[in-house]
Amino acid sequence: TPYVHGALREAAERGCLTVMVTTVPGEQVRLEVDIMIDV
């Protein structure tokens, strides 16, 4: 979801720790976060 990716990228640039919760395998997510919770 672009809205979520934009939020996470902005958060990382501001020095926040970032977490992604998704229900597809992590390798399908085109974004790097600090903690990936793929279910």
PDB file of all heavy atoms in Angstrom:
ATOM      1  N   THR A   1       0.818  -1.205   0.000  1.00  0.00           N
ATOM      2  CA  THR A   1       0.000   0.000   0.000  1.00  0.00           C
ATOM      3  C   THR A   1       0.857   1.261   0.000  1.00  0.00           C
ATOM      4  O   THR A   1       1.628   1.504   0.941  1.00  0.00           O
ATOM      5  CB  THR A   1      -0.917   0.012   1.244  1.00  0.00           C
ATOM      6  OG1 THR A   1      -1.619  -1.235   1.318  1.00  0.00           O
ATOM      7  CG2 THR A   1      -1.898   1.160   1.173  1.00  0.00           C
ATOM      8  N   PRO A   2       0.756   2.096  -1.034  1.00  0.00           N
ATOM      9  CA  PRO A   2       1.601   3.292  -1.117  1.00  0.00           C
ATOM     10  C   PRO A   2       1.496   4.209   0.100  1.00  0.00           C
ATOM     11  O   PRO A   2       2.506   4.749   0.562  1.00  0.00           O
ATOM     12  CB  PRO A   2       1.095   3.984  -2.397  1.00  0.00           C
ATOM     13  CG  PRO A   2       0.595   2.856  -3.239  1.00  0.00           C
ATOM     14  CD  PRO A   2      -0.035   1.895  -2.269  1.00  0.00           C
ATOM     15  N   TYR A   3       0.290   4.414   0.620  1.00  0.00           N
ATOM     16  CA  TYR A   3       0.116   5.262   1.806  1.00  0.00           C
ATOM     17  C   TYR A   3       0.985   4.761   2.958  1.00  0.00           C
ATOM     18  O   TYR A   3       1.658   5.548   3.635  1.00  0.00           O
ATOM     19  CB  TYR A   3      -1.356   5.267   2.218  1.00  0.00           C
ATOM     20  CG  TYR A   3      -1.660   5.956   3.530  1.00  0.00           C
ATOM     21  CD1 TYR A   3      -1.950   7.315   3.567  1.00  0.00           C
ATOM     22  CD2 TYR A   3      -1.679   5.244   4.732  1.00  0.00           C
ATOM     23  CE1 TYR A   3      -2.247   7.948   4.776  1.00  0.00           C
ATOM     24  CE2 TYR A   3      -1.971   5.861   5.932  1.00  0.00           C
ATOM     25  CZ  TYR A   3      -2.251   7.208   5.949  1.00  0.00           C
ATOM     26  OH  TYR A   3      -2.533   7.830   7.155  1.00  0.00           O
ATOM     27  N   VAL A   4       0.991   3.451   3.156  1.00  0.00           N
ATOM     28  CA  VAL A   4       1.768   2.862   4.249  1.00  0.00           C
ATOM     29  C   VAL A   4       3.256   2.971   3.967  1.00  0.00           C
ATOM     30  O   VAL A   4       4.051   3.306   4.860  1.00  0.00           O
ATOM     31  CB  VAL A   4       1.351   1.396   4.471  1.00  0.00           C
ATOM     32  CG1 VAL A   4       2.211   0.744   5.552  1.00  0.00           C
ATOM     33  CG2 VAL A   4      -0.126   1.322   4.856  1.00  0.00           C
ATOM     34  N   HIS A   5       3.656   2.722   2.732  1.00  0.00           N
ATOM     35  CA  HIS A   5       5.074   2.839   2.384  1.00  0.00           C
ATOM     36  C   HIS A   5       5.558   4.275   2.584  1.00  0.00           C
ATOM     37  O   HIS A   5       6.667   4.504   3.081  1.00  0.00           O
ATOM     38  CB  HIS A   5       5.299   2.398   0.937  1.00  0.00           C
ATOM     39  CG  HIS A   5       5.373   0.918   0.771  1.00  0.00           C
ATOM     40  ND1 HIS A   5       6.292   0.294  -0.039  1.00  0.00           N
ATOM     41  CD2 HIS A   5       4.644  -0.078   1.339  1.00  0.00           C
ATOM     42  CE1 HIS A   5       6.124  -1.017   0.013  1.00  0.00           C
ATOM     43  NE2 HIS A   5       5.120  -1.264   0.847  1.00  0.00           N
ATOM     44  N   GLY A   6       4.735   5.243   2.181  1.00  0.00           N
ATOM     45  CA  GLY A   6       5.125   6.642   2.372  1.00  0.00           C
ATOM     46  C   GLY A   6       5.287   6.985   3.835  1.00  0.00           C
ATOM     47  O   GLY A   6       6.239   7.671   4.227  1.00  0.00           O
ATOM     48  N   ALA A   7       4.355   6.504   4.663  1.00  0.00           N
ATOM     49  CA  ALA A   7       4.440   6.758   6.101  1.00  0.00           C
ATOM     50  C   ALA A   7       5.698   6.143   6.689  1.00  0.00           C
ATOM     51  O   ALA A   7       6.414   6.772   7.485  1.00  0.00           O
ATOM     52  CB  ALA A   7       3.197   6.224   6.798  1.00  0.00           C
ATOM     53  N   LEU A   8       6.001   4.896   6.307  1.00  0.00           N
ATOM     54  CA  LEU A   8       7.173   4.204   6.848  1.00  0.00           C
ATOM     55  C   LEU A   8       8.470   4.861   6.378  1.00  0.00           C
ATOM     56  O   LEU A   8       9.427   4.983   7.152  1.00  0.00           O
ATOM     57  CB  LEU A   8       7.144   2.730   6.443  1.00  0.00           C
ATOM     58  CG  LEU A   8       6.114   1.873   7.198  1.00  0.00           C
ATOM     59  CD1 LEU A   8       5.905   0.544   6.493  1.00  0.00           C
ATOM     60  CD2 LEU A   8       6.544   1.656   8.642  1.00  0.00           C
ATOM     61  N   ARG A   9       8.525   5.280   5.135  1.00  0.00           N
ATOM     62  CA  ARG A   9       9.732   5.945   4.642  1.00  0.00           C
ATOM     63  C   ARG A   9       9.947   7.283   5.355  1.00  0.00           C
ATOM     64  O   ARG A   9      11.058   7.634   5.738  1.00  0.00           O
ATOM     65  CB  ARG A   9       9.641   6.138   3.125  1.00  0.00           C
ATOM     66  CG  ARG A   9       9.808   4.844   2.340  1.00  0.00           C
ATOM     67  CD  ARG A   9       9.936   5.111   0.838  1.00  0.00           C
ATOM     68  NE  ARG A   9      10.366   3.914   0.148  1.00  0.00           N
ATOM     69  CZ  ARG A   9       9.577   3.114  -0.569  1.00  0.00           C
ATOM     70  NH1 ARG A   9       8.303   3.401  -0.695  1.00  0.00           N
ATOM     71  NH2 ARG A   9      10.065   2.033  -1.159  1.00  0.00           N
ATOM     72  N   GLU A  10       8.864   8.021   5.538  1.00  0.00           N
ATOM     73  CA  GLU A  10       8.968   9.302   6.243  1.00  0.00           C
ATOM     74  C   GLU A  10       9.405   9.077   7.689  1.00  0.00           C
ATOM     75  O   GLU A  10      10.252   9.816   8.219  1.00  0.00           O
ATOM     76  CB  GLU A  10       7.620  10.017   6.211  1.00  0.00           C
ATOM     77  CG  GLU A  10       7.609  11.395   6.861  1.00  0.00           C
ATOM     78  CD  GLU A  10       8.419  12.431   6.100  1.00  0.00           C
ATOM     79  OE1 GLU A  10       8.619  12.272   4.882  1.00  0.00           O
ATOM     80  OE2 GLU A  10       8.855  13.425   6.737  1.00  0.00           O
ATOM     81  N   ALA A  11       8.845   8.049   8.322  1.00  0.00           N
ATOM     82  CA  ALA A  11       9.213   7.745   9.703  1.00  0.00           C
ATOM     83  C   ALA A  11      10.694   7.405   9.810  1.00  0.00           C
ATOM     84  O   ALA A  11      11.392   7.867  10.729  1.00  0.00           O
ATOM     85  CB  ALA A  11       8.365   6.589  10.224  1.00  0.00           C
ATOM     86  N   ALA A  12      11.193   6.588   8.888  1.00  0.00           N
ATOM     87  CA  ALA A  12      12.609   6.213   8.916  1.00  0.00           C
ATOM     88  C   ALA A  12      13.497   7.438   8.737  1.00  0.00           C
ATOM     89  O   ALA A  12      14.527   7.572   9.408  1.00  0.00           O
ATOM     90  CB  ALA A  12      12.891   5.178   7.834  1.00  0.00           C
ATOM     91  N   GLU A  13      13.100   8.320   7.860  1.00  0.00           N
ATOM     92  CA  GLU A  13      13.891   9.537   7.631  1.00  0.00           C
ATOM     93  C   GLU A  13      13.897  10.448   8.845  1.00  0.00           C
ATOM     94  O   GLU A  13      14.837  11.223   9.052  1.00  0.00           O
ATOM     95  CB  GLU A  13      13.357  10.275   6.408  1.00  0.00           C
ATOM     96  CG  GLU A  13      13.616   9.529   5.101  1.00  0.00           C
ATOM     97  CD  GLU A  13      12.878  10.127   3.910  1.00  0.00           C
ATOM     98  OE1 GLU A  13      12.343  11.255   4.056  1.00  0.00           O
ATOM     99  OE2 GLU A  13      12.848   9.476   2.852  1.00  0.00           O
ATOM    100  N   ARG A  14      12.858  10.331   9.674  1.00  0.00           N
ATOM    101  CA  ARG A  14      12.787  11.133  10.894  1.00  0.00           C
ATOM    102  C   ARG A  14      13.437  10.426  12.080  1.00  0.00           C
ATOM    103  O   ARG A  14      13.371  10.925  13.199  1.00  0.00           O
ATOM    104  CB  ARG A  14      11.318  11.456  11.219  1.00  0.00           C
ATOM    105  CG  ARG A  14      10.683  12.439  10.242  1.00  0.00           C
ATOM    106  CD  ARG A  14       9.188  12.578  10.473  1.00  0.00           C
ATOM    107  NE  ARG A  14       8.610  13.552   9.552  1.00  0.00           N
ATOM    108  CZ  ARG A  14       8.118  14.740   9.904  1.00  0.00           C
ATOM    109  NH1 ARG A  14       8.120  15.105  11.186  1.00  0.00           N
ATOM    110  NH2 ARG A  14       7.627  15.562   9.001  1.00  0.00           N
ATOM    111  N   GLY A  15      14.026   9.264  11.848  1.00  0.00           N
ATOM    112  CA  GLY A  15      14.746   8.551  12.898  1.00  0.00           C
ATOM    113  C   GLY A  15      13.899   7.645  13.753  1.00  0.00           C
ATOM    114  O   GLY A  15      14.348   7.195  14.819  1.00  0.00           O
ATOM    115  N   CYS A  16      12.672   7.335  13.310  1.00  0.00           N
ATOM    116  CA  CYS A  16      11.790   6.456  14.074  1.00  0.00           C
ATOM    117  C   CYS A  16      12.115   4.992  13.799  1.00  0.00           C
ATOM    118  O   CYS A  16      12.507   4.626  12.692  1.00  0.00           O
ATOM    119  CB  CYS A  16      10.332   6.683  13.682  1.00  0.00           C
ATOM    120  SG  CYS A  16       9.684   8.285  14.131  1.00  0.00           S
ATOM    121  N   LEU A  17      11.888   4.152  14.786  1.00  0.00           N
ATOM    122  CA  LEU A  17      11.933   2.723  14.549  1.00  0.00           C
ATOM    123  C   LEU A  17      10.663   2.338  13.803  1.00  0.00           C
ATOM    124  O   LEU A  17       9.573   2.813  14.123  1.00  0.00           O
ATOM    125  CB  LEU A  17      12.032   1.963  15.865  1.00  0.00           C
ATOM    126  CG  LEU A  17      12.354   0.467  15.730  1.00  0.00           C
ATOM    127  CD1 LEU A  17      13.310   0.043  16.840  1.00  0.00           C
ATOM    128  CD2 LEU A  17      11.101  -0.377  15.761  1.00  0.00           C
ATOM    129  N   THR A  18      10.792   1.481  12.776  1.00  0.00           N
ATOM    130  CA  THR A  18       9.658   1.147  11.927  1.00  0.00           C
ATOM    131  C   THR A  18       9.363  -0.350  11.966  1.00  0.00           C
ATOM    132  O   THR A  18      10.267  -1.172  12.015  1.00  0.00           O
ATOM    133  CB  THR A  18       9.916   1.564  10.472  1.00  0.00           C
ATOM    134  OG1 THR A  18      11.128   0.956  10.016  1.00  0.00           O
ATOM    135  CG2 THR A  18      10.031   3.079  10.361  1.00  0.00           C
ATOM    136  N   VAL A  19       8.061  -0.668  11.942  1.00  0.00           N
ATOM    137  CA  VAL A  19       7.583  -2.048  11.962  1.00  0.00           C
ATOM    138  C   VAL A  19       6.557  -2.196  10.842  1.00  0.00           C
ATOM    139  O   VAL A  19       5.737  -1.305  10.621  1.00  0.00           O
ATOM    140  CB  VAL A  19       6.916  -2.403  13.308  1.00  0.00           C
ATOM    141  CG1 VAL A  19       6.446  -3.856  13.320  1.00  0.00           C
ATOM    142  CG2 VAL A  19       7.852  -2.118  14.468  1.00  0.00           C
ATOM    143  N   MET A  20       6.602  -3.312  10.144  1.00  0.00           N
ATOM    144  CA  MET A  20       5.582  -3.613   9.133  1.00  0.00           C
ATOM    145  C   MET A  20       4.863  -4.895   9.521  1.00  0.00           C
ATOM    146  O   MET A  20       5.500  -5.896   9.869  1.00  0.00           O
ATOM    147  CB  MET A  20       6.222  -3.785   7.761  1.00  0.00           C
ATOM    148  CG  MET A  20       5.323  -4.429   6.708  1.00  0.00           C
ATOM    149  SD  MET A  20       4.001  -3.340   6.124  1.00  0.00           S
ATOM    150  CE  MET A  20       4.776  -2.657   4.655  1.00  0.00           C
ATOM    151  N   VAL A  21       3.530  -4.846   9.505  1.00  0.00           N
ATOM    152  CA  VAL A  21       2.712  -6.035   9.713  1.00  0.00           C
ATOM    153  C   VAL A  21       1.987  -6.319   8.407  1.00  0.00           C
ATOM    154  O   VAL A  21       1.213  -5.472   7.925  1.00  0.00           O
ATOM    155  CB  VAL A  21       1.696  -5.852  10.854  1.00  0.00           C
ATOM    156  CG1 VAL A  21       0.851  -7.117  11.023  1.00  0.00           C
ATOM    157  CG2 VAL A  21       2.408  -5.519  12.161  1.00  0.00           C
ATOM    158  N   THR A  22       2.242  -7.482   7.823  1.00  0.00           N
ATOM    159  CA  THR A  22       1.658  -7.834   6.539  1.00  0.00           C
ATOM    160  C   THR A  22       1.305  -9.306   6.533  1.00  0.00           C
ATOM    161  O   THR A  22       1.791 -10.072   7.376  1.00  0.00           O
ATOM    162  CB  THR A  22       2.645  -7.518   5.394  1.00  0.00           C
ATOM    163  OG1 THR A  22       2.026  -7.817   4.138  1.00  0.00           O
ATOM    164  CG2 THR A  22       3.930  -8.331   5.527  1.00  0.00           C
ATOM    165  N   THR A  23       0.464  -9.708   5.578  1.00  0.00           N
ATOM    166  CA  THR A  23       0.086 -11.113   5.507  1.00  0.00           C
ATOM    167  C   THR A  23       0.544 -11.750   4.195  1.00  0.00           C
ATOM    168  O   THR A  23       0.001 -12.770   3.779  1.00  0.00           O
ATOM    169  CB  THR A  23      -1.435 -11.297   5.698  1.00  0.00           C
ATOM    170  OG1 THR A  23      -2.149 -10.447   4.795  1.00  0.00           O
ATOM    171  CG2 THR A  23      -1.817 -10.952   7.124  1.00  0.00           C
ATOM    172  N   VAL A  24       1.534 -11.162   3.561  1.00  0.00           N
ATOM    173  CA  VAL A  24       2.231 -11.811   2.454  1.00  0.00           C
ATOM    174  C   VAL A  24       3.647 -12.114   2.922  1.00  0.00           C
ATOM    175  O   VAL A  24       4.131 -11.525   3.894  1.00  0.00           O
ATOM    176  CB  VAL A  24       2.265 -10.924   1.184  1.00  0.00           C
ATOM    177  CG1 VAL A  24       0.860 -10.652   0.686  1.00  0.00           C
ATOM    178  CG2 VAL A  24       3.021  -9.620   1.445  1.00  0.00           C
ATOM    179  N   PRO A  25       4.350 -13.028   2.276  1.00  0.00           N
ATOM    180  CA  PRO A  25       5.737 -13.291   2.661  1.00  0.00           C
ATOM    181  C   PRO A  25       6.585 -12.037   2.562  1.00  0.00           C
ATOM    182  O   PRO A  25       6.393 -11.207   1.668  1.00  0.00           O
ATOM    183  CB  PRO A  25       6.184 -14.349   1.636  1.00  0.00           C
ATOM    184  CG  PRO A  25       4.924 -15.001   1.180  1.00  0.00           C
ATOM    185  CD  PRO A  25       3.882 -13.919   1.185  1.00  0.00           C
ATOM    186  N   GLY A  26       7.514 -11.880   3.497  1.00  0.00           N
ATOM    187  CA  GLY A  26       8.330 -10.678   3.551  1.00  0.00           C
ATOM    188  C   GLY A  26       9.046 -10.374   2.246  1.00  0.00           C
ATOM    189  O   GLY A  26       9.243  -9.201   1.896  1.00  0.00           O
ATOM    190  N   GLU A  27       9.425 -11.418   1.490  1.00  0.00           N
ATOM    191  CA  GLU A  27      10.157 -11.183   0.249  1.00  0.00           C
ATOM    192  C   GLU A  27       9.288 -10.514  -0.814  1.00  0.00           C
ATOM    193  O   GLU A  27       9.805 -10.008  -1.812  1.00  0.00           O
ATOM    194  CB  GLU A  27      10.740 -12.484  -0.296  1.00  0.00           C
ATOM    195  CG  GLU A  27       9.737 -13.586  -0.559  1.00  0.00           C
ATOM    196  CD  GLU A  27       9.575 -14.532   0.621  1.00  0.00           C
ATOM    197  OE1 GLU A  27       9.889 -14.117   1.752  1.00  0.00           O
ATOM    198  OE2 GLU A  27       9.151 -15.689   0.390  1.00  0.00           O
ATOM    199  N   GLN A  28       7.961 -10.491  -0.609  1.00  0.00           N
ATOM    200  CA  GLN A  28       7.085  -9.807  -1.556  1.00  0.00           C
ATOM    201  C   GLN A  28       6.927  -8.325  -1.222  1.00  0.00           C
ATOM    202  O   GLN A  28       6.268  -7.595  -1.967  1.00  0.00           O
ATOM    203  CB  GLN A  28       5.711 -10.483  -1.586  1.00  0.00           C
ATOM    204  CG  GLN A  28       5.718 -11.876  -2.182  1.00  0.00           C
ATOM    205  CD  GLN A  28       4.317 -12.457  -2.343  1.00  0.00           C
ATOM    206  OE1 GLN A  28       3.309 -11.842  -1.983  1.00  0.00           O
ATOM    207  NE2 GLN A  28       4.251 -13.656  -2.899  1.00  0.00           N
ATOM    208  N   VAL A  29       7.499  -7.892  -0.114  1.00  0.00           N
ATOM    209  CA  VAL A  29       7.383  -6.496   0.312  1.00  0.00           C
ATOM    210  C   VAL A  29       8.593  -5.708  -0.177  1.00  0.00           C
ATOM    211  O   VAL A  29       9.724  -6.014   0.197  1.00  0.00           O
ATOM    212  CB  VAL A  29       7.264  -6.388   1.845  1.00  0.00           C
ATOM    213  CG1 VAL A  29       7.143  -4.930   2.271  1.00  0.00           C
ATOM    214  CG2 VAL A  29       6.065  -7.190   2.337  1.00  0.00           C
ATOM    215  N   ARG A  30       8.377  -4.696  -0.979  1.00  0.00           N
ATOM    216  CA  ARG A  30       9.455  -3.910  -1.564  1.00  0.00           C
ATOM    217  C   ARG A  30       9.792  -2.718  -0.669  1.00  0.00           C
ATOM    218  O   ARG A  30       9.704  -1.558  -1.068  1.00  0.00           O
ATOM    219  CB  ARG A  30       9.062  -3.423  -2.959  1.00  0.00           C
ATOM    220  CG  ARG A  30       8.741  -4.559  -3.930  1.00  0.00           C
ATOM    221  CD  ARG A  30       8.273  -4.002  -5.249  1.00  0.00           C
ATOM    222  NE  ARG A  30       7.981  -5.058  -6.209  1.00  0.00           N
ATOM    223  CZ  ARG A  30       7.561  -4.841  -7.450  1.00  0.00           C
ATOM    224  NH1 ARG A  30       7.381  -3.588  -7.863  1.00  0.00           N
ATOM    225  NH2 ARG A  30       7.313  -5.844  -8.261  1.00  0.00           N
ATOM    226  N   LEU A  31      10.135  -3.015   0.533  1.00  0.00           N
ATOM    227  CA  LEU A  31      10.432  -1.965   1.504  1.00  0.00           C
ATOM    228  C   LEU A  31      11.241  -2.573   2.631  1.00  0.00           C
ATOM    229  O   LEU A  31      10.998  -3.708   3.042  1.00  0.00           O
ATOM    230  CB  LEU A  31       9.124  -1.386   2.074  1.00  0.00           C
ATOM    231  CG  LEU A  31       9.256  -0.234   3.062  1.00  0.00           C
ATOM    232  CD1 LEU A  31       9.618   1.054   2.332  1.00  0.00           C
ATOM    233  CD2 LEU A  31       7.949  -0.050   3.833  1.00  0.00           C
ATOM    234  N   GLU A  32      12.208  -1.815   3.146  1.00  0.00           N
ATOM    235  CA  GLU A  32      12.992  -2.264   4.285  1.00  0.00           C
ATOM    236  C   GLU A  32      12.508  -1.564   5.545  1.00  0.00           C
ATOM    237  O   GLU A  32      12.323  -0.347   5.555  1.00  0.00           O
ATOM    238  CB  GLU A  32      14.475  -1.966   4.061  1.00  0.00           C
ATOM    239  CG  GLU A  32      15.378  -2.482   5.171  1.00  0.00           C
ATOM    240  CD  GLU A  32      16.838  -2.218   4.875  1.00  0.00           C
ATOM    241  OE1 GLU A  32      17.275  -2.511   3.752  1.00  0.00           O
ATOM    242  OE2 GLU A  32      17.521  -1.685   5.771  1.00  0.00           O
ATOM    243  N   VAL A  33      12.280  -2.351   6.590  1.00  0.00           N
ATOM    244  CA  VAL A  33      11.888  -1.794   7.882  1.00  0.00           C
ATOM    245  C   VAL A  33      12.755  -2.416   8.962  1.00  0.00           C
ATOM    246  O   VAL A  33      13.468  -3.385   8.722  1.00  0.00           O
ATOM    247  CB  VAL A  33      10.392  -2.067   8.179  1.00  0.00           C
ATOM    248  CG1 VAL A  33       9.499  -1.310   7.211  1.00  0.00           C
ATOM    249  CG2 VAL A  33      10.086  -3.562   8.130  1.00  0.00           C
ATOM    250  N   ASP A  34      12.660  -1.867  10.172  1.00  0.00           N
ATOM    251  CA  ASP A  34      13.468  -2.396  11.275  1.00  0.00           C
ATOM    252  C   ASP A  34      12.975  -3.764  11.735  1.00  0.00           C
ATOM    253  O   ASP A  34      13.764  -4.645  12.055  1.00  0.00           O
ATOM    254  CB  ASP A  34      13.474  -1.413  12.447  1.00  0.00           C
ATOM    255  CG  ASP A  34      14.161  -0.104  12.090  1.00  0.00           C
ATOM    256  OD1 ASP A  34      15.350  -0.151  11.694  1.00  0.00           O
ATOM    257  OD2 ASP A  34      13.520   0.955  12.177  1.00  0.00           O
ATOM    258  N   ILE A  35      11.655  -3.933  11.804  1.00  0.00           N
ATOM    259  CA  ILE A  35      11.070  -5.211  12.218  1.00  0.00           C
ATOM    260  C   ILE A  35       9.980  -5.582  11.222  1.00  0.00           C
ATOM    261  O   ILE A  35       8.988  -4.865  11.084  1.00  0.00           O
ATOM    262  CB  ILE A  35      10.474  -5.136  13.637  1.00  0.00           C
ATOM    263  CG1 ILE A  35      11.536  -4.704  14.661  1.00  0.00           C
ATOM    264  CG2 ILE A  35       9.880  -6.489  14.041  1.00  0.00           C
ATOM    265  CD1 ILE A  35      10.984  -4.465  16.065  1.00  0.00           C
ATOM    266  N   MET A  36      10.177  -6.690  10.536  1.00  0.00           N
ATOM    267  CA  MET A  36       9.187  -7.186   9.583  1.00  0.00           C
ATOM    268  C   MET A  36       8.403  -8.327  10.224  1.00  0.00           C
ATOM    269  O   MET A  36       8.976  -9.354  10.604  1.00  0.00           O
ATOM    270  CB  MET A  36       9.865  -7.675   8.305  1.00  0.00           C
ATOM    271  CG  MET A  36       8.930  -8.374   7.325  1.00  0.00           C
ATOM    272  SD  MET A  36       7.647  -7.281   6.643  1.00  0.00           S
ATOM    273  CE  MET A  36       8.668  -6.252   5.576  1.00  0.00           C
ATOM    274  N   ILE A  37       7.091  -8.147  10.365  1.00  0.00           N
ATOM    275  CA  ILE A  37       6.222  -9.198  10.897  1.00  0.00           C
ATOM    276  C   ILE A  37       5.324  -9.641   9.747  1.00  0.00           C
ATOM    277  O   ILE A  37       4.233  -9.089   9.519  1.00  0.00           O
ATOM    278  CB  ILE A  37       5.389  -8.705  12.092  1.00  0.00           C
ATOM    279  CG1 ILE A  37       6.307  -8.176  13.211  1.00  0.00           C
ATOM    280  CG2 ILE A  37       4.507  -9.838  12.634  1.00  0.00           C
ATOM    281  CD1 ILE A  37       5.569  -7.575  14.386  1.00  0.00           C
ATOM    282  N   ASP A  38       5.798 -10.603   8.995  1.00  0.00           N
ATOM    283  CA  ASP A  38       5.029 -11.128   7.874  1.00  0.00           C
ATOM    284  C   ASP A  38       4.373 -12.430   8.298  1.00  0.00           C
ATOM    285  O   ASP A  38       5.012 -13.340   8.779  1.00  0.00           O
ATOM    286  CB  ASP A  38       5.912 -11.321   6.644  1.00  0.00           C
ATOM    287  CG  ASP A  38       7.099 -12.231   6.904  1.00  0.00           C
ATOM    288  OD1 ASP A  38       7.677 -12.154   8.003  1.00  0.00           O
ATOM    289  OD2 ASP A  38       7.456 -13.022   6.011  1.00  0.00           O
ATOM    290  N   VAL A  39       3.055 -12.478   8.141  1.00  0.00           N
ATOM    291  CA  VAL A  39       2.264 -13.631   8.565  1.00  0.00           C
ATOM    292  C   VAL A  39       1.482 -14.132   7.348  1.00  0.00           C
ATOM    293  O   VAL A  39       0.291 -13.817   7.188  1.00  0.00           O
ATOM    294  CB  VAL A  39       1.301 -13.266   9.713  1.00  0.00           C
ATOM    295  CG1 VAL A  39       0.592 -14.512  10.239  1.00  0.00           C
ATOM    296  CG2 VAL A  39       2.035 -12.564  10.846  1.00  0.00           C
TER     297      VAL A  39
END
